[in-house]
Amino acid sequence: MKTRPFLSEIDSRIDKSEIDKHPKAVFILHDQLNLDAWPEWVKEEKPLLVFIESKEKGKSLPYHKKKLIYLLSAMRHFALECSEVGFPVLYHSSKGHYDEGVKEILEESKDLVLTYMTPSEWNSRERLRSVKEEFNNRMEEIPNTFFLADEEEYKDKIGPGYRMEYFYRDMRRMTGYLMDGTNPEGGEWNYDEENRKKLPKNIKTPEWASTEVDSITQEVIDLVEHSFSDHFGELDGFDYAVTRRQALYRLNDFIEHGLDQFGPYEDAMATGEHVIFHSHLSMYLNNGLLIPKEVCDRAQEAYDAGKARLNSVEGFIRQVIGWREFVRIYYEAMMPKVREVNYFKFERNLPQMYWTGDTKMHCMSECLKPVIKFGYSHHIPRLMVLSNFSNLTETNPQQLNEWFWFAYTDAYEWVVLPNVLGMSTFADGGVLASKPYAAGGNYINKMSNYCKGCSYKISKKTGEDACPFNYLYWNFVDEQRETFMENGRANFMVNMFDKKSDEEKEAIKSSSIRFIEGLERRS
């Protein structure tokens, strides 16, 4: 068989001599790479495992180059590992989307019956179900078991007033993490008040593990450079884990060197520090190299052994069993109409700086450059800087949502859409979040050292050299006063704006118009 371009490692290592003799197959998507999350019969029966690389999926958005390298390399490594433990493997490459790849396989193998797990993303799910209708007795869909919560139990609860905190407490009770009988460990469900410290000058952050590029990953890098060179982000310097063993090493590294300090500095930002004490494990959780239970088990074990403080472990577990599970259920409950929400009716294009990182605003530059270089920043730059700035500059939330989807290595629609359209931009009008997550320069100054290295002055509230976040925030409060007045947690901000002098109000308005109108945007 002729070696396929950029697939020589796969073609030289996987035995394809008896693939056509297997009547039963399992299709494994790029974000389902863990047999421990599949039904037991898959490991017992060892059916033909089908993997598909879809060029059309890769081209559907300008996905970060490192994201493509990570996903394709992880899938190739997993396919090879499955082959090495006795699974027959068909590694298919299609110019079309996954549905076309599946059809190509089913049409070529007339007797093959294929099982697949419900895709986490809506489009892939709909595409595969259309093929299932066409090949009705030759395809079976089974539930997605890469999550902890039963979506059917919670979907109907999603709506204004049902908050993540209620769901999170249910998950704590169900899983038993950090529970003292029926009560939360330490007497509190949530220790966020202890987790809002600025990063001290003299604290040393961990040097996180890196992974050397092997021949399989190098071939993927060559593929991305050849076929996706116009995509977002930088290609050089790829060092992410691409196997389960490597991902488990990263988990151990975080538990040992990051977890204890994670809580206090969870919300902190600092120049040159895009990870701090965060785990940076979301990309491995979201494609299956790690599974939620084992991650939380390790955190619980660290607490039980006295190696990590309660507020850190609680904050970390909340991100996994609370927020991660909650946004997935929101996605299932709200799709597909939620894709079009735009509560504030903002229609301006995404600022050009989101692609280049070029801006005089030091905070924006510091939060964008790690995304361009690594495809990652932790949740506070995402929420309180990048999303906040987008909303304050009247940017279309769908464009921001799309940017997050293709720019971050850990991003899938099920996790990005709720976080961007539901929480950070308030585009759904308050179904997910209780208030708009808007903030001025004071918040950024409080939680970071960004303002000290900025061309703009945090002390100035209006004018050309004032911090843009200062006047943009108050302009947003004024423009969206009805929304703020309806919310008991935020209506005092309107009252504060109204107490300003007419001169201050005019300066806020004129500074905001000048900045928003002068902002370079994507065409």
Protein backbone atom coordinates (compact mmCIF):
# COMPACT_ATOMS: atom_id res chain seq x y z
CA MET A 1 0.00 0.00 0.00
CA LYS A 2 1.33 3.41 -0.94
CA THR A 3 2.30 5.62 1.99
CA ARG A 4 0.02 8.65 2.33
CA PRO A 5 1.48 12.15 2.55
CA PHE A 6 2.26 13.09 6.17
CA LEU A 7 0.97 9.71 7.43
CA SER A 8 4.08 7.58 6.98
CA GLU A 9 4.43 6.89 10.72
CA ILE A 10 0.86 5.57 10.91
CA ASP A 11 1.11 3.59 7.68
CA SER A 12 4.41 1.96 8.66
CA ARG A 13 3.30 0.92 12.17
CA ILE A 14 -0.33 -0.22 11.87
CA ASP A 15 -1.05 -3.67 10.40
CA LYS A 16 -3.85 -3.32 7.85
CA SER A 17 -3.73 -6.85 6.43
CA GLU A 18 -6.99 -8.15 7.97
CA ILE A 19 -9.00 -4.97 8.48
CA ASP A 20 -11.69 -5.99 5.98
CA LYS A 21 -12.42 -9.17 7.99
CA HIS A 22 -13.93 -7.32 10.95
CA PRO A 23 -17.74 -7.04 10.93
CA LYS A 24 -17.90 -4.72 13.95
CA ALA A 25 -16.24 -1.32 14.34
CA VAL A 26 -16.11 1.58 16.80
CA PHE A 27 -15.53 5.12 15.53
CA ILE A 28 -13.47 7.19 17.97
CA LEU A 29 -13.46 10.96 17.59
CA HIS A 30 -10.46 13.17 18.37
CA ASP A 31 -11.89 14.16 21.78
CA GLN A 32 -12.72 10.62 22.96
CA LEU A 33 -9.17 9.28 23.38
CA ASN A 34 -9.50 7.09 26.45
CA LEU A 35 -10.74 3.49 26.44
CA ASP A 36 -11.43 3.70 30.20
CA ALA A 37 -14.37 5.99 29.38
CA TRP A 38 -15.79 3.60 26.77
CA PRO A 39 -18.14 0.68 27.58
CA GLU A 40 -16.35 -2.39 28.92
CA TRP A 41 -17.31 -4.50 25.89
CA VAL A 42 -15.01 -2.42 23.70
CA LYS A 43 -11.95 -3.53 25.69
CA GLU A 44 -13.22 -7.12 25.94
CA GLU A 45 -14.23 -7.69 22.30
CA LYS A 46 -11.51 -5.57 20.65
CA PRO A 47 -13.56 -4.51 17.60
CA LEU A 48 -12.04 -2.58 14.72
CA LEU A 49 -11.26 0.95 15.92
CA VAL A 50 -11.83 3.64 13.32
CA PHE A 51 -10.10 7.03 13.42
CA ILE A 52 -10.72 9.75 10.88
CA GLU A 53 -8.66 12.83 10.11
CA SER A 54 -10.94 15.35 8.45
CA LYS A 55 -9.36 18.08 6.39
CA GLU A 56 -12.69 19.92 6.14
CA LYS A 57 -13.06 19.95 9.94
CA GLY A 58 -9.55 21.34 10.24
CA LYS A 59 -10.35 24.07 7.73
CA SER A 60 -13.81 24.92 9.11
CA LEU A 61 -12.21 27.57 11.37
CA PRO A 62 -8.65 28.95 11.38
CA TYR A 63 -7.80 26.74 14.36
CA HIS A 64 -4.58 27.56 16.21
CA LYS A 65 -1.66 25.72 14.64
CA LYS A 66 -0.65 24.25 17.99
CA LYS A 67 -4.24 23.10 18.58
CA LEU A 68 -4.20 21.18 15.31
CA ILE A 69 -0.80 19.69 16.13
CA TYR A 70 -2.00 18.66 19.58
CA LEU A 71 -5.28 17.09 18.49
CA LEU A 72 -3.88 15.22 15.49
CA SER A 73 -0.74 14.03 17.27
CA ALA A 74 -2.73 12.85 20.31
CA MET A 75 -5.15 10.94 18.07
CA ARG A 76 -2.31 9.33 16.11
CA HIS A 77 -0.48 8.31 19.26
CA PHE A 78 -3.67 6.86 20.73
CA ALA A 79 -4.41 4.89 17.53
CA LEU A 80 -0.90 3.42 17.61
CA GLU A 81 -1.21 2.54 21.30
CA CYS A 82 -4.50 0.75 20.60
CA SER A 83 -2.88 -1.19 17.78
CA GLU A 84 0.02 -2.19 20.03
CA VAL A 85 -2.35 -3.75 22.60
CA GLY A 86 -4.14 -5.87 20.03
CA PHE A 87 -6.89 -3.71 18.54
CA PRO A 88 -7.31 -3.75 14.78
CA VAL A 89 -7.13 -0.11 13.68
CA LEU A 90 -8.33 1.69 10.57
CA TYR A 91 -6.80 5.18 10.38
CA HIS A 92 -8.70 6.98 7.65
CA SER A 93 -7.93 10.36 6.11
CA SER A 94 -10.76 12.24 4.40
CA LYS A 95 -10.86 15.49 2.49
CA GLY A 96 -14.42 15.91 3.72
CA HIS A 97 -15.93 16.13 7.19
CA TYR A 98 -16.39 13.19 9.57
CA ASP A 99 -19.71 12.21 8.03
CA GLU A 100 -18.12 11.90 4.60
CA GLY A 101 -15.27 9.87 6.07
CA VAL A 102 -17.72 7.48 7.74
CA LYS A 103 -19.71 7.13 4.52
CA GLU A 104 -16.54 6.34 2.59
CA ILE A 105 -15.74 3.54 5.05
CA LEU A 106 -19.28 2.11 5.15
CA GLU A 107 -19.58 2.15 1.36
CA GLU A 108 -16.27 0.36 0.97
CA SER A 109 -16.99 -2.26 3.67
CA LYS A 110 -20.53 -3.38 2.88
CA ASP A 111 -21.00 -5.62 5.94
CA LEU A 112 -19.40 -3.38 8.54
CA VAL A 113 -21.55 -2.30 11.51
CA LEU A 114 -20.21 0.83 13.22
CA THR A 115 -20.79 2.08 16.77
CA TYR A 116 -20.02 5.67 17.72
CA MET A 117 -20.30 7.72 20.89
CA THR A 118 -22.41 10.88 20.85
CA PRO A 119 -20.06 13.69 19.81
CA SER A 120 -19.69 16.52 22.32
CA GLU A 121 -20.05 19.14 19.57
CA TRP A 122 -23.38 19.79 17.89
CA ASN A 123 -22.27 19.91 14.25
CA SER A 124 -20.41 16.61 14.36
CA ARG A 125 -23.39 15.05 16.14
CA GLU A 126 -25.85 16.19 13.49
CA ARG A 127 -23.57 15.10 10.66
CA LEU A 128 -23.16 11.59 12.05
CA ARG A 129 -26.86 11.23 12.73
CA SER A 130 -27.60 12.07 9.11
CA VAL A 131 -25.28 9.23 8.06
CA LYS A 132 -26.96 6.96 10.61
CA GLU A 133 -30.31 7.63 8.93
CA GLU A 134 -28.83 6.72 5.56
CA PHE A 135 -27.21 3.52 6.89
CA ASN A 136 -29.95 2.84 9.43
CA ASN A 137 -29.09 -0.73 10.46
CA ARG A 138 -25.32 -0.34 10.22
CA MET A 139 -24.71 2.43 12.76
CA GLU A 140 -25.40 2.62 16.47
CA GLU A 141 -25.03 5.70 18.68
CA ILE A 142 -24.20 5.24 22.36
CA PRO A 143 -24.22 7.95 25.08
CA ASN A 144 -21.15 10.09 25.73
CA THR A 145 -19.52 8.91 28.97
CA PHE A 146 -16.65 11.39 29.19
CA PHE A 147 -18.60 13.55 31.67
CA LEU A 148 -19.72 12.95 35.25
CA ALA A 149 -23.20 14.48 35.32
CA ASP A 150 -26.30 13.03 33.70
CA GLU A 151 -27.42 15.76 31.32
CA GLU A 152 -31.03 14.53 31.29
CA GLU A 153 -31.27 15.05 35.03
CA TYR A 154 -30.32 18.73 34.81
CA LYS A 155 -31.17 20.06 31.34
CA ASP A 156 -34.68 21.17 32.26
CA LYS A 157 -33.33 23.23 35.17
CA ILE A 158 -31.24 25.51 32.96
CA GLY A 159 -32.77 28.98 32.96
CA PRO A 160 -32.58 32.38 34.69
CA GLY A 161 -32.09 31.85 38.42
CA TYR A 162 -30.58 28.37 38.28
CA ARG A 163 -26.91 29.00 38.99
CA MET A 164 -23.82 26.85 38.88
CA GLU A 165 -23.53 26.97 42.67
CA TYR A 166 -26.73 24.92 43.11
CA PHE A 167 -25.54 22.35 40.59
CA TYR A 168 -22.07 22.25 42.13
CA ARG A 169 -23.44 21.37 45.57
CA ASP A 170 -25.41 18.52 44.03
CA MET A 171 -22.23 17.28 42.37
CA ARG A 172 -20.30 17.44 45.65
CA ARG A 173 -22.98 15.35 47.33
CA MET A 174 -23.08 12.88 44.44
CA THR A 175 -19.31 12.41 44.17
CA GLY A 176 -18.41 12.79 47.83
CA TYR A 177 -15.49 15.10 47.14
CA LEU A 178 -14.60 17.29 50.13
CA MET A 179 -17.62 16.14 52.10
CA ASP A 180 -17.88 15.56 55.84
CA GLY A 181 -20.93 13.34 55.89
CA THR A 182 -23.71 15.49 54.46
CA ASN A 183 -21.83 18.74 55.11
CA PRO A 184 -19.05 20.36 53.11
CA GLU A 185 -15.52 19.93 54.43
CA GLY A 186 -14.59 22.93 56.57
CA GLY A 187 -18.20 24.09 56.82
CA GLU A 188 -18.28 26.08 53.57
CA TRP A 189 -19.16 25.05 50.02
CA ASN A 190 -17.09 27.76 48.40
CA TYR A 191 -13.82 29.44 49.43
CA ASP A 192 -13.60 32.05 46.69
CA GLU A 193 -13.12 34.83 49.23
CA GLU A 194 -9.71 33.35 50.04
CA ASN A 195 -8.74 32.99 46.40
CA ARG A 196 -8.35 36.58 45.23
CA LYS A 197 -4.79 37.49 46.07
CA LYS A 198 -2.41 39.37 43.81
CA LEU A 199 0.77 37.49 42.92
CA PRO A 200 3.57 38.66 45.27
CA LYS A 201 6.80 39.95 43.74
CA ASN A 202 9.03 37.38 45.40
CA ILE A 203 6.96 34.23 44.83
CA LYS A 204 8.39 31.56 42.50
CA THR A 205 5.92 29.95 40.12
CA PRO A 206 6.48 26.34 38.97
CA GLU A 207 8.54 25.39 35.95
CA TRP A 208 6.05 23.15 34.22
CA ALA A 209 6.97 19.97 32.37
CA SER A 210 7.48 19.91 28.63
CA THR A 211 7.49 17.06 26.11
CA GLU A 212 10.02 16.48 23.37
CA VAL A 213 8.71 16.23 19.82
CA ASP A 214 8.92 12.65 18.50
CA SER A 215 8.70 11.46 14.89
CA ILE A 216 4.90 11.17 14.99
CA THR A 217 4.40 14.71 16.25
CA GLN A 218 7.02 16.03 13.84
CA GLU A 219 5.09 14.59 10.92
CA VAL A 220 1.97 16.36 12.18
CA ILE A 221 3.92 19.61 12.51
CA ASP A 222 5.01 19.21 8.89
CA LEU A 223 1.39 18.60 7.87
CA VAL A 224 0.12 21.71 9.69
CA GLU A 225 2.91 23.83 8.23
CA HIS A 226 2.05 22.55 4.74
CA SER A 227 -1.77 22.56 4.82
CA PHE A 228 -2.75 25.06 7.54
CA SER A 229 -0.05 27.71 7.30
CA ASP A 230 -2.60 30.55 7.13
CA HIS A 231 -4.20 29.58 10.44
CA PHE A 232 -4.08 31.49 13.73
CA GLY A 233 -1.15 31.34 16.12
CA GLU A 234 2.48 30.31 16.16
CA LEU A 235 3.67 26.86 15.14
CA ASP A 236 7.18 26.80 16.63
CA GLY A 237 7.94 25.50 20.11
CA PHE A 238 5.28 22.78 20.45
CA ASP A 239 5.84 20.88 23.72
CA TYR A 240 2.44 19.63 24.92
CA ALA A 241 1.75 16.12 26.14
CA VAL A 242 0.30 13.96 23.36
CA THR A 243 -0.14 10.61 25.13
CA ARG A 244 -2.06 9.54 28.20
CA ARG A 245 1.18 8.68 29.98
CA GLN A 246 2.55 12.16 29.33
CA ALA A 247 -0.74 13.78 30.42
CA LEU A 248 -0.70 11.78 33.67
CA TYR A 249 2.82 13.08 34.28
CA ARG A 250 1.49 16.64 33.83
CA LEU A 251 -1.29 15.88 36.34
CA ASN A 252 1.23 14.58 38.87
CA ASP A 253 3.41 17.64 38.27
CA PHE A 254 0.51 19.97 39.05
CA ILE A 255 -0.58 18.07 42.16
CA GLU A 256 2.99 18.13 43.46
CA HIS A 257 4.02 21.68 42.53
CA GLY A 258 0.93 23.74 41.80
CA LEU A 259 -2.20 22.64 43.64
CA ASP A 260 -1.42 23.98 47.11
CA GLN A 261 -0.81 27.52 45.83
CA PHE A 262 -3.49 27.36 43.15
CA GLY A 263 -6.30 28.73 45.31
CA PRO A 264 -4.87 31.97 46.70
CA TYR A 265 -3.57 33.09 43.29
CA GLU A 266 -6.33 31.59 41.14
CA ASP A 267 -7.42 35.04 39.93
CA ALA A 268 -3.98 36.64 39.76
CA MET A 269 -2.35 37.91 36.57
CA ALA A 270 1.27 38.98 36.05
CA THR A 271 3.55 40.09 33.25
CA GLY A 272 5.28 37.12 31.66
CA GLU A 273 3.18 34.61 33.65
CA HIS A 274 0.36 33.01 31.66
CA VAL A 275 -0.03 29.87 33.82
CA ILE A 276 1.04 30.87 37.39
CA PHE A 277 -0.27 28.00 39.61
CA HIS A 278 -3.05 26.88 37.26
CA SER A 279 -3.07 23.23 36.24
CA HIS A 280 -3.12 23.76 32.45
CA LEU A 281 -4.88 20.39 32.26
CA SER A 282 -8.09 21.43 30.52
CA MET A 283 -6.80 20.50 27.06
CA TYR A 284 -6.10 16.96 28.29
CA LEU A 285 -9.47 16.66 30.01
CA ASN A 286 -11.30 17.91 26.95
CA ASN A 287 -9.96 15.29 24.55
CA GLY A 288 -9.92 12.38 26.98
CA LEU A 289 -6.24 11.91 27.79
CA LEU A 290 -7.35 12.63 31.34
CA ILE A 291 -10.80 11.96 32.76
CA PRO A 292 -12.55 14.13 35.40
CA LYS A 293 -12.73 11.52 38.14
CA GLU A 294 -9.03 10.72 38.24
CA VAL A 295 -8.13 14.42 38.29
CA CYS A 296 -10.44 15.11 41.23
CA ASP A 297 -9.36 11.91 43.00
CA ARG A 298 -5.76 13.10 42.94
CA ALA A 299 -6.75 16.51 44.31
CA GLN A 300 -8.78 14.88 47.11
CA GLU A 301 -5.85 12.59 47.94
CA ALA A 302 -3.51 15.58 48.17
CA TYR A 303 -5.89 17.28 50.62
CA ASP A 304 -6.32 14.12 52.70
CA ALA A 305 -2.52 13.78 52.91
CA GLY A 306 -2.10 17.39 54.04
CA LYS A 307 -0.23 18.37 50.87
CA ALA A 308 -2.72 20.98 49.64
CA ARG A 309 -4.86 23.52 51.49
CA LEU A 310 -8.64 23.29 51.49
CA ASN A 311 -9.39 26.49 49.56
CA SER A 312 -7.05 25.40 46.75
CA VAL A 313 -8.47 21.90 46.44
CA GLU A 314 -12.04 23.15 46.66
CA GLY A 315 -11.41 25.79 43.98
CA PHE A 316 -9.81 23.24 41.67
CA ILE A 317 -12.48 20.57 42.14
CA ARG A 318 -15.16 23.22 41.59
CA GLN A 319 -13.69 24.03 38.18
CA VAL A 320 -13.86 20.37 37.18
CA ILE A 321 -17.09 18.96 38.64
CA GLY A 322 -18.83 22.32 38.96
CA TRP A 323 -18.13 24.70 36.13
CA ARG A 324 -16.95 22.25 33.46
CA GLU A 325 -19.93 19.94 33.94
CA PHE A 326 -22.38 22.82 34.28
CA VAL A 327 -21.45 24.52 31.00
CA ARG A 328 -21.76 21.23 29.18
CA ILE A 329 -25.33 20.80 30.46
CA TYR A 330 -26.10 24.43 29.55
CA TYR A 331 -24.86 23.68 26.03
CA GLU A 332 -27.08 20.60 25.74
CA ALA A 333 -30.10 22.53 27.04
CA MET A 334 -29.65 25.68 24.94
CA MET A 335 -28.46 24.44 21.56
CA PRO A 336 -28.77 25.29 18.75
CA LYS A 337 -30.68 28.60 19.20
CA VAL A 338 -28.14 29.93 21.70
CA ARG A 339 -25.62 30.34 18.89
CA GLU A 340 -27.48 33.44 17.72
CA VAL A 341 -27.98 35.27 21.03
CA ASN A 342 -26.86 38.91 21.18
CA TYR A 343 -28.56 40.55 24.14
CA PHE A 344 -26.80 43.92 23.79
CA LYS A 345 -27.10 43.85 19.97
CA PHE A 346 -23.40 44.62 19.46
CA GLU A 347 -22.38 44.34 15.81
CA ARG A 348 -18.84 45.68 15.56
CA ASN A 349 -16.12 43.39 14.23
CA LEU A 350 -13.50 41.80 16.46
CA PRO A 351 -10.55 44.13 17.10
CA GLN A 352 -7.49 43.37 15.00
CA MET A 353 -5.33 43.05 18.12
CA TYR A 354 -6.94 39.67 18.88
CA TRP A 355 -5.03 38.30 15.89
CA THR A 356 -1.76 40.15 16.33
CA GLY A 357 -1.42 41.10 20.01
CA ASP A 358 -0.29 44.54 18.86
CA THR A 359 -1.64 47.25 21.15
CA LYS A 360 -0.41 49.96 23.52
CA MET A 361 -2.62 48.45 26.23
CA HIS A 362 -0.17 46.37 28.25
CA CYS A 363 -2.87 44.21 29.85
CA MET A 364 -4.36 43.29 26.48
CA SER A 365 -0.96 42.56 25.00
CA GLU A 366 0.02 40.36 27.96
CA CYS A 367 -3.24 38.43 27.73
CA LEU A 368 -3.18 38.01 23.94
CA LYS A 369 0.45 37.03 23.37
CA PRO A 370 0.24 33.71 25.28
CA VAL A 371 -2.85 32.81 23.23
CA ILE A 372 -1.06 33.55 19.97
CA LYS A 373 2.08 31.72 21.08
CA PHE A 374 0.70 28.82 23.13
CA GLY A 375 -3.06 28.70 22.58
CA TYR A 376 -3.61 29.19 26.30
CA SER A 377 -4.26 31.65 29.11
CA HIS A 378 -6.03 30.95 32.38
CA HIS A 379 -9.62 31.87 33.09
CA ILE A 380 -9.19 35.42 34.47
CA PRO A 381 -7.47 36.86 31.36
CA ARG A 382 -10.19 35.17 29.31
CA LEU A 383 -13.06 36.53 31.39
CA MET A 384 -11.96 39.80 32.92
CA VAL A 385 -9.66 41.16 30.22
CA LEU A 386 -10.27 39.69 26.75
CA SER A 387 -14.04 39.15 27.01
CA ASN A 388 -14.53 42.27 29.10
CA PHE A 389 -12.72 44.42 26.53
CA SER A 390 -14.77 42.89 23.71
CA ASN A 391 -18.02 43.80 25.42
CA LEU A 392 -16.89 47.29 26.44
CA THR A 393 -15.94 48.02 22.82
CA GLU A 394 -19.33 46.84 21.50
CA THR A 395 -17.94 43.81 19.68
CA ASN A 396 -20.22 41.17 18.20
CA PRO A 397 -20.29 38.31 20.73
CA GLN A 398 -20.48 35.60 18.04
CA GLN A 399 -17.19 36.84 16.60
CA LEU A 400 -15.57 36.70 20.03
CA ASN A 401 -17.04 33.23 20.62
CA GLU A 402 -15.60 32.01 17.32
CA TRP A 403 -12.20 33.49 18.16
CA PHE A 404 -12.07 31.67 21.49
CA TRP A 405 -13.09 28.46 19.72
CA PHE A 406 -10.24 28.48 17.24
CA ALA A 407 -7.60 30.31 19.31
CA TYR A 408 -7.44 28.07 22.40
CA THR A 409 -6.05 24.54 22.50
CA ASP A 410 -8.64 23.43 25.07
CA ALA A 411 -11.62 24.90 23.20
CA TYR A 412 -14.63 23.01 21.88
CA GLU A 413 -17.97 24.56 21.16
CA TRP A 414 -19.62 22.88 24.16
CA VAL A 415 -17.24 24.64 26.58
CA VAL A 416 -16.53 27.91 24.74
CA LEU A 417 -20.06 28.91 23.79
CA PRO A 418 -21.49 28.88 27.35
CA ASN A 419 -18.44 30.67 28.73
CA VAL A 420 -18.46 33.39 26.07
CA LEU A 421 -22.12 33.84 25.10
CA GLY A 422 -23.56 32.83 28.46
CA MET A 423 -21.14 34.19 31.01
CA SER A 424 -18.51 36.65 29.85
CA THR A 425 -20.52 38.71 27.33
CA PHE A 426 -24.00 38.22 28.88
CA ALA A 427 -25.20 37.63 25.30
CA ASP A 428 -27.90 35.21 26.50
CA GLY A 429 -29.45 37.95 28.66
CA GLY A 430 -28.84 36.32 32.03
CA VAL A 431 -29.63 32.64 31.62
CA LEU A 432 -26.18 31.52 32.75
CA ALA A 433 -24.74 34.55 34.57
CA SER A 434 -26.52 36.71 37.12
CA LYS A 435 -24.94 39.96 35.86
CA PRO A 436 -22.68 41.28 33.10
CA TYR A 437 -19.01 40.56 33.85
CA ALA A 438 -17.80 44.10 33.23
CA ALA A 439 -14.96 45.81 35.04
CA GLY A 440 -12.77 48.89 34.77
CA GLY A 441 -9.05 49.37 35.08
CA ASN A 442 -9.13 49.23 38.88
CA TYR A 443 -9.92 45.51 38.82
CA ILE A 444 -7.03 44.76 36.46
CA ASN A 445 -4.69 46.87 38.60
CA LYS A 446 -5.85 45.09 41.74
CA MET A 447 -5.26 41.59 40.35
CA SER A 448 -2.11 42.17 38.27
CA ASN A 449 1.03 44.23 37.76
CA TYR A 450 0.07 45.05 34.17
CA CYS A 451 -0.67 48.71 34.76
CA LYS A 452 2.90 49.53 35.83
CA GLY A 453 4.23 48.75 32.36
CA CYS A 454 1.48 50.41 30.35
CA SER A 455 1.57 53.44 28.07
CA TYR A 456 -1.79 54.47 29.51
CA LYS A 457 -2.21 55.81 33.04
CA ILE A 458 -4.47 53.86 35.38
CA SER A 459 -4.82 56.98 37.55
CA LYS A 460 -6.41 58.95 34.70
CA LYS A 461 -10.11 58.37 34.10
CA THR A 462 -10.65 60.11 30.74
CA GLY A 463 -8.60 61.55 27.92
CA GLU A 464 -6.13 60.16 25.38
CA ASP A 465 -3.57 58.87 27.90
CA ALA A 466 -6.14 57.50 30.38
CA CYS A 467 -6.58 53.74 30.80
CA PRO A 468 -9.28 52.86 28.22
CA PHE A 469 -10.88 50.39 30.63
CA ASN A 470 -11.67 53.28 32.98
CA TYR A 471 -13.95 55.26 30.69
CA LEU A 472 -15.14 52.28 28.62
CA TYR A 473 -16.52 50.65 31.76
CA TRP A 474 -18.53 53.69 32.84
CA ASN A 475 -19.75 54.23 29.31
CA PHE A 476 -20.97 50.62 29.28
CA VAL A 477 -22.77 51.09 32.61
CA ASP A 478 -24.52 54.16 31.24
CA GLU A 479 -25.40 52.62 27.88
CA GLN A 480 -26.71 49.42 29.47
CA ARG A 481 -28.25 51.01 32.55
CA GLU A 482 -31.55 49.14 32.20
CA THR A 483 -29.76 45.81 32.49
CA PHE A 484 -27.77 46.99 35.51
CA MET A 485 -30.86 48.47 37.18
CA GLU A 486 -32.72 45.17 36.84
CA ASN A 487 -29.95 43.37 38.71
CA GLY A 488 -29.83 43.88 42.45
CA ARG A 489 -26.12 43.01 42.54
CA ALA A 490 -25.14 45.69 40.03
CA ASN A 491 -27.69 48.51 40.10
CA PHE A 492 -25.55 50.58 42.49
CA MET A 493 -23.10 51.14 39.61
CA VAL A 494 -25.74 53.14 37.73
CA ASN A 495 -26.32 55.21 40.83
CA MET A 496 -22.58 55.88 41.06
CA PHE A 497 -22.47 56.98 37.43
CA ASP A 498 -25.45 59.30 37.89
CA LYS A 499 -23.67 61.05 40.76
CA LYS A 500 -20.84 62.10 38.47
CA SER A 501 -20.77 65.68 37.22
CA ASP A 502 -21.98 66.59 33.76
CA GLU A 503 -18.38 67.32 32.79
CA GLU A 504 -17.26 63.86 33.89
CA LYS A 505 -20.12 62.21 32.02
CA GLU A 506 -19.31 64.11 28.85
CA ALA A 507 -15.62 63.23 29.12
CA ILE A 508 -16.49 59.54 29.58
CA LYS A 509 -18.74 59.60 26.55
CA SER A 510 -16.37 61.47 24.26
CA SER A 511 -13.35 59.37 25.30
CA SER A 512 -15.31 56.16 24.70
CA ILE A 513 -16.62 57.23 21.28
CA ARG A 514 -13.14 58.27 20.20
CA PHE A 515 -11.60 54.98 21.33
CA ILE A 516 -14.33 52.67 20.02
CA GLU A 517 -14.57 54.40 16.65
CA GLY A 518 -10.79 54.49 16.28
CA LEU A 519 -10.21 50.84 17.13
CA GLU A 520 -8.77 48.82 14.22
CA ARG A 521 -11.00 45.84 13.54
CA ARG A 522 -11.04 42.74 11.39
CA SER A 523 -12.78 43.27 8.10
